[in-house]
Amino acid sequence: MVIAPMAGGVLSTLPTGYIIDRFGRRVTLIGAPLLSSVSAFMVFFAANSYLEFLLYLTMGGVAQQMWQMSRLAAIADSVRSSERGRQITSMSSVQRIGNMGGPFLGGILAELLGLRVPFLVFGVLAALAVIPSYFLIKETAPSVLARRTGTKTPETDTAWKTLLTRPVITLFAAQFSANIARGGAQGTGGTYFIFLAFAYGQGPAMLGSVMLGSGVLSIPIMMFSGQIMDRYGRKRQIVPAAVMLGLGLSFMATTAAMELPLVAFIAAFIWINIGVSMMAGTMQTIGADIAPADARGKFFGVNRLIAEGGSLMNPVIFGVVTGLVTGGAAFAGAFGVMAVSAFLAANLIGFGLRETLHKDSPPSEKSSPK
């Protein structure tokens, strides 16, 4: 159940990159919430088939990826480099509000009305999201705008043999490693909720409350991280955030190994979410800095494929380690692997990548990955 929507996100990265370059950002921003709504309604009306349920969750993951990538591309198109950090972290903050409020509301509805009802509410809310997208979003894709106006633009080399420079490779490696570390905390709390349910016997109401409580601290942290990135540089935010995440994961591993009480889990989960909040939007901001203007969809498609692959590895590692080892050591081992991944991401960005902030860059710049 945790892996299915992630798998949908992985499978849709490259096709979504092509769609947002070829057909535009606006059509994707309208289509993504529609697909989310359809997916949620299909879960609500699904028969008692587990495979059918997983298929609809996968469809929801596809929609989420379309939504994420089209928003990133639109921001990269229209915002100066010196403002991207704030814009992307603001976007992530709004998303985090929904991510922390959704499980809380869903948990209450599930306890009172049954497990299917939250999907019905989700479907209605996703459908309503189409309205502002349709009336307020304008097209920003350079290739689409050029076709509409009949403007000829100079051709640029966007072949991967040109794009795969050392900074791009370093970013991709750091993105993969960072998402292994934070994949279980982003959005739904996946693997941590599994641990909370099995090790502490907690139900959906507690799961939603824990997510809500940790999210209260995350919003101001995410907004502040954008200010730091735009004022002092991307690396000065990413490296301490990755170290913070690694330390939090180490504490979670200790909590599991020593079978500490519930309060220790909550403290570790909040710590981890502070690190995740500090990292929110940071990798996307670097990607927006170095993505070529004429192939942002193509670039983000591969970048998000790598990122979602890392996120997908989080529950895979969790499942494999807990399947091979028993007791608290199993959970401790899984969280320990995630901690190592966070520290690796900090080293890759800290020592392998130059600062990408350019304060005088206009939004229409032909960004180069060099």
Protein backbone atom coordinates (compact mmCIF):
# COMPACT_ATOMS: atom_id res chain seq x y z
CA MET A 1 0.00 0.00 0.00
CA VAL A 2 2.88 2.39 0.74
CA ILE A 3 4.82 1.35 -2.38
CA ALA A 4 1.91 1.44 -4.87
CA PRO A 5 1.48 5.24 -5.13
CA MET A 6 5.26 5.66 -5.14
CA ALA A 7 5.49 3.18 -8.02
CA GLY A 8 2.92 5.24 -9.91
CA GLY A 9 5.05 8.31 -9.36
CA VAL A 10 8.16 6.56 -10.65
CA LEU A 11 6.47 5.21 -13.77
CA SER A 12 4.99 8.59 -14.72
CA THR A 13 8.08 10.81 -14.42
CA LEU A 14 9.40 10.53 -17.99
CA PRO A 15 5.97 10.66 -19.71
CA THR A 16 5.03 13.67 -17.58
CA GLY A 17 8.25 15.43 -18.57
CA TYR A 18 7.36 14.96 -22.23
CA ILE A 19 3.77 16.15 -21.68
CA ILE A 20 4.67 19.37 -19.88
CA ASP A 21 7.25 20.27 -22.56
CA ARG A 22 5.11 19.29 -25.54
CA PHE A 23 1.61 20.27 -24.41
CA GLY A 24 2.35 22.76 -21.65
CA ARG A 25 2.26 23.22 -17.89
CA ARG A 26 -1.36 24.42 -17.75
CA VAL A 27 -2.95 21.32 -19.26
CA THR A 28 -1.05 19.15 -16.77
CA LEU A 29 -2.02 21.34 -13.81
CA ILE A 30 -5.66 20.86 -14.79
CA GLY A 31 -5.42 17.16 -15.62
CA ALA A 32 -3.53 16.08 -12.49
CA PRO A 33 -6.22 16.91 -9.88
CA LEU A 34 -8.86 15.42 -12.18
CA LEU A 35 -6.92 12.14 -12.25
CA SER A 36 -6.49 12.31 -8.44
CA SER A 37 -10.23 12.73 -8.06
CA VAL A 38 -11.00 9.78 -10.34
CA SER A 39 -8.50 7.61 -8.45
CA ALA A 40 -10.05 8.46 -5.08
CA PHE A 41 -13.60 7.80 -6.26
CA MET A 42 -12.54 4.45 -7.74
CA VAL A 43 -11.05 3.44 -4.38
CA PHE A 44 -14.29 4.43 -2.67
CA PHE A 45 -16.41 2.30 -5.03
CA ALA A 46 -13.90 -0.55 -5.41
CA ALA A 47 -14.96 -4.13 -4.82
CA ASN A 48 -13.21 -6.17 -2.16
CA SER A 49 -10.14 -6.80 -4.32
CA TYR A 50 -6.74 -5.92 -2.95
CA LEU A 51 -5.11 -5.81 -6.41
CA GLU A 52 -7.83 -3.44 -7.64
CA PHE A 53 -7.19 -1.24 -4.63
CA LEU A 54 -3.45 -1.15 -5.38
CA LEU A 55 -4.13 -0.23 -9.01
CA TYR A 56 -6.16 2.82 -7.98
CA LEU A 57 -3.51 3.87 -5.47
CA THR A 58 -0.92 3.63 -8.26
CA MET A 59 -3.12 5.86 -10.43
CA GLY A 60 -3.15 8.38 -7.60
CA GLY A 61 0.65 8.31 -7.51
CA VAL A 62 0.73 9.13 -11.24
CA ALA A 63 -1.53 12.13 -10.65
CA GLN A 64 0.59 13.36 -7.76
CA GLN A 65 3.74 13.21 -9.88
CA MET A 66 2.06 15.17 -12.70
CA TRP A 67 0.98 17.80 -10.18
CA GLN A 68 4.46 18.07 -8.64
CA MET A 69 6.45 18.30 -11.87
CA SER A 70 4.16 20.77 -13.64
CA ARG A 71 4.30 23.16 -10.68
CA LEU A 72 8.09 22.96 -10.50
CA ALA A 73 8.41 23.64 -14.22
CA ALA A 74 6.02 26.61 -14.02
CA ILE A 75 8.03 28.14 -11.16
CA ALA A 76 11.33 27.57 -12.97
CA ASP A 77 9.87 29.24 -16.08
CA SER A 78 8.61 32.38 -14.43
CA VAL A 79 10.66 33.15 -11.30
CA ARG A 80 14.14 34.64 -10.91
CA SER A 81 16.90 32.47 -9.47
CA SER A 82 17.07 34.73 -6.40
CA GLU A 83 13.38 34.07 -5.69
CA ARG A 84 13.09 30.37 -6.52
CA GLY A 85 13.93 29.13 -3.04
CA ARG A 86 11.07 31.10 -1.49
CA GLN A 87 8.62 30.19 -4.24
CA ILE A 88 9.35 26.46 -4.12
CA THR A 89 9.38 26.25 -0.32
CA SER A 90 6.12 28.22 -0.22
CA MET A 91 4.64 25.66 -2.59
CA SER A 92 5.97 22.85 -0.39
CA SER A 93 4.57 24.56 2.73
CA VAL A 94 1.07 24.75 1.29
CA GLN A 95 1.35 21.09 0.31
CA ARG A 96 2.56 20.18 3.79
CA ILE A 97 -0.50 21.86 5.33
CA GLY A 98 -2.69 19.55 3.28
CA ASN A 99 -0.48 16.55 4.01
CA MET A 100 -0.70 17.06 7.75
CA GLY A 101 -4.38 18.00 7.79
CA GLY A 102 -5.43 15.19 5.45
CA PRO A 103 -4.33 12.25 7.65
CA PHE A 104 -5.82 13.96 10.72
CA LEU A 105 -9.22 14.48 9.07
CA GLY A 106 -9.00 11.10 7.34
CA GLY A 107 -8.21 9.34 10.60
CA ILE A 108 -11.26 10.84 12.31
CA LEU A 109 -13.55 10.03 9.37
CA ALA A 110 -12.19 6.49 9.19
CA GLU A 111 -12.81 5.92 12.91
CA LEU A 112 -16.35 7.34 12.80
CA LEU A 113 -17.64 6.42 9.33
CA GLY A 114 -15.38 3.68 7.96
CA LEU A 115 -12.15 3.43 6.01
CA ARG A 116 -13.69 4.21 2.61
CA VAL A 117 -15.20 7.59 3.50
CA PRO A 118 -11.90 9.56 3.52
CA PHE A 119 -11.41 8.59 -0.14
CA LEU A 120 -14.81 10.05 -1.01
CA VAL A 121 -13.89 13.35 0.67
CA PHE A 122 -10.49 13.28 -1.04
CA GLY A 123 -12.14 12.81 -4.43
CA VAL A 124 -14.42 15.82 -3.92
CA LEU A 125 -11.57 18.07 -2.75
CA ALA A 126 -9.32 17.03 -5.66
CA ALA A 127 -12.13 17.82 -8.11
CA LEU A 128 -12.54 21.27 -6.57
CA ALA A 129 -8.81 21.91 -7.08
CA VAL A 130 -9.43 21.95 -10.83
CA ILE A 131 -11.36 25.25 -10.55
CA PRO A 132 -8.48 27.59 -9.57
CA SER A 133 -6.13 25.73 -11.95
CA TYR A 134 -8.50 26.35 -14.85
CA PHE A 135 -9.22 30.03 -14.19
CA LEU A 136 -5.95 31.30 -12.70
CA ILE A 137 -3.07 29.33 -14.23
CA LYS A 138 -1.44 30.74 -17.36
CA GLU A 139 0.82 28.82 -19.72
CA THR A 140 4.58 29.31 -19.15
CA ALA A 141 6.23 26.61 -21.32
CA PRO A 142 8.61 28.42 -23.74
CA SER A 143 8.05 25.93 -26.58
CA VAL A 144 4.24 26.14 -26.31
CA LEU A 145 4.27 29.94 -26.16
CA ALA A 146 6.57 30.08 -29.15
CA ARG A 147 4.23 27.87 -31.21
CA ARG A 148 1.22 29.97 -30.27
CA THR A 149 2.87 33.23 -31.34
CA GLY A 150 4.72 31.80 -34.33
CA THR A 151 8.03 32.92 -32.84
CA LYS A 152 11.19 31.16 -33.91
CA THR A 153 13.55 30.48 -31.04
CA PRO A 154 17.23 29.55 -31.36
CA GLU A 155 17.79 25.82 -31.05
CA THR A 156 19.83 24.64 -28.10
CA ASP A 157 21.55 21.31 -27.54
CA THR A 158 19.43 19.43 -25.00
CA ALA A 159 20.86 15.96 -25.64
CA TRP A 160 21.74 14.09 -22.47
CA LYS A 161 25.38 13.78 -23.50
CA THR A 162 25.47 17.58 -23.15
CA LEU A 163 23.27 17.84 -20.07
CA LEU A 164 24.98 15.17 -17.97
CA THR A 165 27.70 17.36 -16.51
CA ARG A 166 29.37 16.71 -13.15
CA PRO A 167 27.01 19.04 -11.20
CA VAL A 168 23.96 17.29 -12.71
CA ILE A 169 25.30 13.82 -11.87
CA THR A 170 26.14 14.97 -8.33
CA LEU A 171 22.65 16.42 -7.89
CA PHE A 172 21.03 13.22 -9.13
CA ALA A 173 23.11 11.09 -6.74
CA ALA A 174 22.38 13.39 -3.79
CA GLN A 175 18.68 13.47 -4.67
CA PHE A 176 18.51 9.67 -4.72
CA SER A 177 20.34 9.33 -1.43
CA ALA A 178 18.32 12.07 0.29
CA ASN A 179 15.02 10.54 -0.80
CA ILE A 180 16.01 7.13 0.55
CA ALA A 181 16.41 8.89 3.89
CA ARG A 182 13.26 11.01 3.84
CA GLY A 183 10.95 8.92 1.67
CA GLY A 184 9.05 7.52 4.64
CA ALA A 185 8.45 10.95 6.17
CA GLN A 186 7.47 12.95 3.09
CA GLY A 187 3.76 13.36 2.72
CA THR A 188 2.17 10.39 4.47
CA GLY A 189 4.68 9.16 7.05
CA GLY A 190 4.57 5.67 5.44
CA THR A 191 7.20 3.47 7.09
CA TYR A 192 7.06 5.37 10.38
CA PHE A 193 3.32 4.81 10.60
CA ILE A 194 3.86 1.10 9.99
CA PHE A 195 6.37 1.06 12.84
CA LEU A 196 3.99 3.06 15.06
CA ALA A 197 1.09 0.70 14.32
CA PHE A 198 2.98 -2.57 14.83
CA ALA A 199 5.39 -1.64 17.62
CA TYR A 200 3.00 0.52 19.64
CA GLY A 201 -0.44 -0.76 18.53
CA GLN A 202 -1.80 2.63 17.52
CA GLY A 203 -4.79 3.19 15.18
CA PRO A 204 -5.64 5.72 12.44
CA ALA A 205 -6.72 8.51 14.81
CA MET A 206 -3.32 8.48 16.57
CA LEU A 207 -1.49 8.23 13.22
CA GLY A 208 -3.26 11.30 11.92
CA SER A 209 -2.69 13.21 15.17
CA VAL A 210 1.04 12.48 15.12
CA MET A 211 1.28 13.78 11.55
CA LEU A 212 -0.69 16.91 12.45
CA GLY A 213 1.43 17.60 15.52
CA SER A 214 4.74 17.23 13.66
CA GLY A 215 3.42 19.38 10.83
CA VAL A 216 2.74 22.37 13.09
CA LEU A 217 6.49 22.97 13.40
CA SER A 218 7.23 22.26 9.76
CA ILE A 219 5.50 25.21 8.09
CA PRO A 220 7.59 28.10 9.53
CA ILE A 221 10.75 26.02 9.10
CA MET A 222 10.02 25.43 5.41
CA MET A 223 9.26 29.11 4.80
CA PHE A 224 12.45 30.15 6.58
CA SER A 225 14.54 27.68 4.57
CA GLY A 226 13.50 29.42 1.35
CA GLN A 227 14.71 32.74 2.76
CA ILE A 228 18.09 31.20 3.61
CA MET A 229 18.49 29.63 0.15
CA ASP A 230 17.73 32.87 -1.67
CA ARG A 231 19.84 35.03 0.64
CA TYR A 232 22.85 32.87 1.50
CA GLY A 233 22.79 30.02 -1.03
CA ARG A 234 21.35 26.57 -1.49
CA LYS A 235 24.17 24.61 0.15
CA ARG A 236 23.98 26.50 3.44
CA GLN A 237 20.47 25.16 3.87
CA ILE A 238 20.75 21.67 2.38
CA VAL A 239 23.86 20.41 4.20
CA PRO A 240 22.72 21.23 7.78
CA ALA A 241 19.24 19.91 6.93
CA ALA A 242 20.61 16.56 5.72
CA VAL A 243 22.78 16.25 8.83
CA MET A 244 19.76 17.07 11.01
CA LEU A 245 17.76 14.37 9.22
CA GLY A 246 20.56 11.83 9.67
CA LEU A 247 20.76 12.51 13.39
CA GLY A 248 16.98 12.18 13.75
CA LEU A 249 17.01 8.85 11.94
CA SER A 250 19.84 7.69 14.21
CA PHE A 251 17.68 8.57 17.21
CA MET A 252 14.74 6.65 15.68
CA ALA A 253 17.01 3.64 15.19
CA THR A 254 18.04 3.87 18.85
CA THR A 255 14.38 4.12 19.87
CA ALA A 256 13.59 0.92 17.96
CA ALA A 257 16.66 -0.99 19.14
CA MET A 258 16.11 -0.16 22.83
CA GLU A 259 12.28 -0.43 22.55
CA LEU A 260 11.82 2.99 24.11
CA PRO A 261 8.29 4.19 25.02
CA LEU A 262 5.87 5.98 22.68
CA VAL A 263 7.04 9.43 23.74
CA ALA A 264 10.51 8.64 22.37
CA PHE A 265 9.00 7.67 19.01
CA ILE A 266 7.04 10.92 18.86
CA ALA A 267 10.15 12.95 19.69
CA ALA A 268 12.18 11.13 17.03
CA PHE A 269 9.42 11.52 14.45
CA ILE A 270 9.18 15.27 15.10
CA TRP A 271 12.98 15.54 14.88
CA ILE A 272 12.99 13.71 11.55
CA ASN A 273 10.20 15.89 10.22
CA ILE A 274 12.11 19.03 11.20
CA GLY A 275 15.02 17.76 9.09
CA VAL A 276 12.67 16.90 6.22
CA SER A 277 11.07 20.34 6.51
CA MET A 278 14.48 22.00 6.36
CA MET A 279 15.19 20.04 3.17
CA ALA A 280 11.78 20.65 1.58
CA GLY A 281 12.17 22.23 -1.84
CA THR A 282 15.96 22.43 -1.64
CA MET A 283 16.81 19.79 -4.24
CA GLN A 284 14.03 21.06 -6.51
CA THR A 285 15.48 24.56 -6.24
CA ILE A 286 18.92 23.38 -7.37
CA GLY A 287 17.25 21.45 -10.18
CA ALA A 288 15.38 24.57 -11.27
CA ASP A 289 18.68 26.50 -11.19
CA ILE A 290 20.49 24.16 -13.58
CA ALA A 291 17.63 22.84 -15.75
CA PRO A 292 17.81 24.11 -19.38
CA ALA A 293 14.88 26.41 -20.19
CA ASP A 294 14.07 24.59 -23.44
CA ALA A 295 13.94 21.14 -21.83
CA ARG A 296 12.78 21.65 -18.27
CA GLY A 297 10.18 18.91 -18.59
CA LYS A 298 12.80 16.49 -19.89
CA PHE A 299 15.22 17.42 -17.11
CA PHE A 300 12.62 17.26 -14.33
CA GLY A 301 11.35 13.98 -15.75
CA VAL A 302 14.70 12.27 -15.16
CA ASN A 303 15.34 14.19 -11.95
CA ARG A 304 11.98 13.16 -10.51
CA LEU A 305 12.47 9.59 -11.73
CA ILE A 306 15.66 9.41 -9.66
CA ALA A 307 14.00 11.17 -6.71
CA GLU A 308 10.95 8.91 -6.73
CA GLY A 309 13.22 5.90 -7.15
CA GLY A 310 14.96 6.93 -3.93
CA SER A 311 11.63 7.44 -2.16
CA LEU A 312 10.48 4.04 -3.38
CA MET A 313 13.63 2.44 -1.99
CA ASN A 314 12.70 3.70 1.49
CA PRO A 315 9.79 1.27 2.06
CA VAL A 316 11.60 -1.42 0.05
CA ILE A 317 14.59 -1.25 2.39
CA PHE A 318 12.23 -1.13 5.35
CA GLY A 319 10.36 -4.21 4.13
CA VAL A 320 13.48 -6.22 3.29
CA VAL A 321 15.30 -5.49 6.54
CA THR A 322 12.25 -6.12 8.73
CA GLY A 323 11.58 -9.31 6.75
CA LEU A 324 15.07 -10.67 7.32
CA VAL A 325 15.54 -9.59 10.94
CA THR A 326 13.14 -9.87 13.86
CA GLY A 327 12.35 -7.67 16.83
CA GLY A 328 13.55 -4.14 17.51
CA ALA A 329 16.79 -4.81 15.67
CA ALA A 330 14.85 -5.04 12.39
CA PHE A 331 13.37 -1.55 12.71
CA ALA A 332 16.69 -0.20 14.01
CA GLY A 333 18.55 -1.62 11.02
CA ALA A 334 16.11 -0.11 8.54
CA PHE A 335 16.27 3.34 10.14
CA GLY A 336 20.05 3.04 10.35
CA VAL A 337 20.33 2.55 6.57
CA MET A 338 18.19 5.66 6.08
CA ALA A 339 20.45 7.65 8.43
CA VAL A 340 23.54 6.69 6.42
CA SER A 341 21.77 7.83 3.24
CA ALA A 342 21.06 11.24 4.79
CA PHE A 343 24.70 11.74 5.78
CA LEU A 344 25.79 10.67 2.27
CA ALA A 345 23.51 13.30 0.70
CA ALA A 346 25.05 15.97 2.95
CA ASN A 347 28.55 15.02 1.80
CA LEU A 348 27.63 14.94 -1.90
CA ILE A 349 26.11 18.43 -1.81
CA GLY A 350 28.72 19.85 0.57
CA PHE A 351 31.82 18.63 -1.23
CA GLY A 352 30.67 17.73 -4.76
CA LEU A 353 28.56 20.67 -5.89
CA ARG A 354 29.22 24.36 -6.41
CA GLU A 355 26.70 26.96 -5.29
CA THR A 356 23.96 27.41 -7.90
CA LEU A 357 22.39 30.66 -6.65
CA HIS A 358 22.69 33.51 -9.17
CA LYS A 359 20.97 36.59 -7.78
CA ASP A 360 20.93 38.51 -11.05
CA SER A 361 19.37 35.77 -13.20
CA PRO A 362 16.13 36.78 -14.98
CA PRO A 363 13.28 34.28 -15.19
CA SER A 364 13.72 33.87 -18.96
CA GLU A 365 17.38 32.86 -18.70
CA LYS A 366 18.67 29.97 -20.76
CA SER A 367 19.99 28.10 -17.77
CA SER A 368 23.03 25.96 -18.32
CA PRO A 369 23.99 22.95 -16.24
CA LYS A 370 27.67 23.82 -16.60
